[in-house]
């Protein structure tokens, strides 16, 4: 999914579920607004934390792509039908200077 399209859907309140599969430290340092955090290595065990049905779109991202690739495959194998990447992942989001959200526990 294109970053600008995702940002527009976030602003309009129509965003798909967005899952940040990076580490807690990376997530706490800033993430896509509204993204939930589930590290890629625990995604299958924590898939019940993804809201909505398995038919609804889910956007996954990491910093550059490899972890999101594992996450997308895992979610598809778990029965999620519409799993998408955030184009450019978090590094692309930052390059475009799109807004990020710190975790509540971040300073």
C-alpha atoms as a PDB file:
ATOM      1  CA  UNK A   1       0.000   0.000   0.000  1.00  0.00           C
ATOM      2  CA  UNK A   2       1.325   3.426  -0.891  1.00  0.00           C
ATOM      3  CA  UNK A   3       2.341   5.547   2.105  1.00  0.00           C
ATOM      4  CA  UNK A   4       0.300   8.546   0.970  1.00  0.00           C
ATOM      5  CA  UNK A   5      -2.766   6.344   0.491  1.00  0.00           C
ATOM      6  CA  UNK A   6      -2.343   4.839   3.940  1.00  0.00           C
ATOM      7  CA  UNK A   7      -1.931   8.268   5.514  1.00  0.00           C
ATOM      8  CA  UNK A   8      -5.084   9.488   3.738  1.00  0.00           C
ATOM      9  CA  UNK A   9      -7.064   6.489   5.015  1.00  0.00           C
ATOM     10  CA  UNK A  10      -5.721   7.044   8.550  1.00  0.00           C
ATOM     11  CA  UNK A  11      -6.796  10.690   8.371  1.00  0.00           C
ATOM     12  CA  UNK A  12     -10.230   9.694   7.062  1.00  0.00           C
ATOM     13  CA  UNK A  13     -10.710   7.027   9.745  1.00  0.00           C
ATOM     14  CA  UNK A  14     -10.895   4.247   7.156  1.00  0.00           C
ATOM     15  CA  UNK A  15      -7.438   2.731   7.587  1.00  0.00           C
ATOM     16  CA  UNK A  16      -6.889  -0.998   7.435  1.00  0.00           C
ATOM     17  CA  UNK A  17      -5.297  -2.707  10.410  1.00  0.00           C
ATOM     18  CA  UNK A  18      -1.615  -1.758  10.375  1.00  0.00           C
ATOM     19  CA  UNK A  19       0.871  -4.082  12.079  1.00  0.00           C
ATOM     20  CA  UNK A  20       4.420  -2.986  12.893  1.00  0.00           C
ATOM     21  CA  UNK A  21       6.530  -6.143  13.097  1.00  0.00           C
ATOM     22  CA  UNK A  22       9.763  -4.440  14.208  1.00  0.00           C
ATOM     23  CA  UNK A  23      11.312  -4.709  17.659  1.00  0.00           C
ATOM     24  CA  UNK A  24       9.768  -2.948  20.658  1.00  0.00           C
ATOM     25  CA  UNK A  25      12.627  -0.453  20.668  1.00  0.00           C
ATOM     26  CA  UNK A  26      12.070   0.431  17.003  1.00  0.00           C
ATOM     27  CA  UNK A  27       8.312   0.716  17.529  1.00  0.00           C
ATOM     28  CA  UNK A  28       8.740   2.903  20.619  1.00  0.00           C
ATOM     29  CA  UNK A  29      11.016   5.197  18.635  1.00  0.00           C
ATOM     30  CA  UNK A  30       8.170   6.067  16.283  1.00  0.00           C
ATOM     31  CA  UNK A  31       5.648   4.177  14.201  1.00  0.00           C
ATOM     32  CA  UNK A  32       2.861   4.713  11.697  1.00  0.00           C
ATOM     33  CA  UNK A  33      -0.031   6.381  13.556  1.00  0.00           C
ATOM     34  CA  UNK A  34      -2.438   3.767  14.882  1.00  0.00           C
ATOM     35  CA  UNK A  35      -0.185   0.793  14.119  1.00  0.00           C
ATOM     36  CA  UNK A  36      -0.302  -2.110  16.520  1.00  0.00           C
ATOM     37  CA  UNK A  37       2.954  -3.747  17.561  1.00  0.00           C
ATOM     38  CA  UNK A  38       3.475  -7.466  17.166  1.00  0.00           C
ATOM     39  CA  UNK A  39       7.102  -8.497  16.502  1.00  0.00           C
ATOM     40  CA  UNK A  40       7.427 -10.758  13.469  1.00  0.00           C
ATOM     41  CA  UNK A  41       8.816 -13.645  15.530  1.00  0.00           C
ATOM     42  CA  UNK A  42       5.677 -13.794  17.713  1.00  0.00           C
ATOM     43  CA  UNK A  43       3.075 -13.032  15.061  1.00  0.00           C
ATOM     44  CA  UNK A  44       1.591 -16.516  14.770  1.00  0.00           C
ATOM     45  CA  UNK A  45       1.293 -16.911  18.535  1.00  0.00           C
ATOM     46  CA  UNK A  46      -0.309 -13.457  18.857  1.00  0.00           C
ATOM     47  CA  UNK A  47      -2.443 -13.375  15.712  1.00  0.00           C
ATOM     48  CA  UNK A  48      -5.620 -13.144  17.828  1.00  0.00           C
ATOM     49  CA  UNK A  49      -4.534  -9.589  18.736  1.00  0.00           C
ATOM     50  CA  UNK A  50      -5.169  -8.465  15.158  1.00  0.00           C
ATOM     51  CA  UNK A  51      -8.650  -6.903  15.187  1.00  0.00           C
ATOM     52  CA  UNK A  52     -11.293  -7.604  12.565  1.00  0.00           C
ATOM     53  CA  UNK A  53     -11.937 -10.632  10.427  1.00  0.00           C
ATOM     54  CA  UNK A  54      -9.405 -12.517   8.359  1.00  0.00           C
ATOM     55  CA  UNK A  55     -11.101 -11.144   5.235  1.00  0.00           C
ATOM     56  CA  UNK A  56     -10.259  -7.519   6.060  1.00  0.00           C
ATOM     57  CA  UNK A  57      -7.040  -5.933   4.789  1.00  0.00           C
ATOM     58  CA  UNK A  58      -3.969  -5.945   6.997  1.00  0.00           C
ATOM     59  CA  UNK A  59      -0.882  -3.860   6.209  1.00  0.00           C
ATOM     60  CA  UNK A  60       2.442  -5.062   7.616  1.00  0.00           C
ATOM     61  CA  UNK A  61       5.756  -3.251   7.717  1.00  0.00           C
ATOM     62  CA  UNK A  62       9.213  -3.397   9.233  1.00  0.00           C
ATOM     63  CA  UNK A  63      12.156  -1.065   8.661  1.00  0.00           C
ATOM     64  CA  UNK A  64      13.233  -2.271   5.203  1.00  0.00           C
ATOM     65  CA  UNK A  65      11.163  -5.334   4.234  1.00  0.00           C
ATOM     66  CA  UNK A  66      12.604  -8.725   5.263  1.00  0.00           C
ATOM     67  CA  UNK A  67      10.708  -9.107   8.545  1.00  0.00           C
ATOM     68  CA  UNK A  68       7.509  -7.936   6.884  1.00  0.00           C
ATOM     69  CA  UNK A  69       8.034 -10.645   4.272  1.00  0.00           C
ATOM     70  CA  UNK A  70       8.084 -13.295   6.995  1.00  0.00           C
ATOM     71  CA  UNK A  71       5.046 -11.668   8.626  1.00  0.00           C
ATOM     72  CA  UNK A  72       3.057 -11.579   5.392  1.00  0.00           C
ATOM     73  CA  UNK A  73       3.752 -15.247   4.729  1.00  0.00           C
ATOM     74  CA  UNK A  74       2.842 -16.200   8.309  1.00  0.00           C
ATOM     75  CA  UNK A  75      -0.450 -14.292   8.190  1.00  0.00           C
ATOM     76  CA  UNK A  76      -1.367 -15.765   4.800  1.00  0.00           C
ATOM     77  CA  UNK A  77      -0.677 -19.264   6.150  1.00  0.00           C
ATOM     78  CA  UNK A  78      -2.843 -18.423   9.189  1.00  0.00           C
ATOM     79  CA  UNK A  79      -5.777 -17.614   6.901  1.00  0.00           C
ATOM     80  CA  UNK A  80      -5.602 -13.834   6.503  1.00  0.00           C
ATOM     81  CA  UNK A  81      -6.761 -13.235   2.948  1.00  0.00           C
ATOM     82  CA  UNK A  82      -5.657  -9.656   2.207  1.00  0.00           C
ATOM     83  CA  UNK A  83      -2.185  -8.971   3.602  1.00  0.00           C
ATOM     84  CA  UNK A  84      -0.276  -6.064   2.072  1.00  0.00           C
ATOM     85  CA  UNK A  85       3.102  -4.411   2.511  1.00  0.00           C
ATOM     86  CA  UNK A  86       3.542  -0.740   3.267  1.00  0.00           C
ATOM     87  CA  UNK A  87       5.459   0.388   0.176  1.00  0.00           C
ATOM     88  CA  UNK A  88       8.955   1.427   1.250  1.00  0.00           C
ATOM     89  CA  UNK A  89       8.281   0.212   4.793  1.00  0.00           C
ATOM     90  CA  UNK A  90       9.197   2.469   7.724  1.00  0.00           C
ATOM     91  CA  UNK A  91      12.371   3.741   6.086  1.00  0.00           C
ATOM     92  CA  UNK A  92      10.301   5.024   3.151  1.00  0.00           C
ATOM     93  CA  UNK A  93       7.720   6.530   5.504  1.00  0.00           C
ATOM     94  CA  UNK A  94      10.484   8.456   7.285  1.00  0.00           C
ATOM     95  CA  UNK A  95      12.116   9.543   4.006  1.00  0.00           C
ATOM     96  CA  UNK A  96       8.798  11.104   2.988  1.00  0.00           C
ATOM     97  CA  UNK A  97       8.695  12.815   6.394  1.00  0.00           C
ATOM     98  CA  UNK A  98       5.231  11.436   7.084  1.00  0.00           C
ATOM     99  CA  UNK A  99       3.973  11.695  10.661  1.00  0.00           C
ATOM    100  CA  UNK A 100       4.985   9.129  13.235  1.00  0.00           C
ATOM    101  CA  UNK A 101       3.566   8.381  16.623  1.00  0.00           C
ATOM    102  CA  UNK A 102       5.704   7.526  19.662  1.00  0.00           C
ATOM    103  CA  UNK A 103       4.595   4.851  22.073  1.00  0.00           C
ATOM    104  CA  UNK A 104       2.899   6.184  25.205  1.00  0.00           C
ATOM    105  CA  UNK A 105       5.856   4.899  27.223  1.00  0.00           C
ATOM    106  CA  UNK A 106       8.373   6.782  25.054  1.00  0.00           C
ATOM    107  CA  UNK A 107       9.949   9.942  26.470  1.00  0.00           C
END
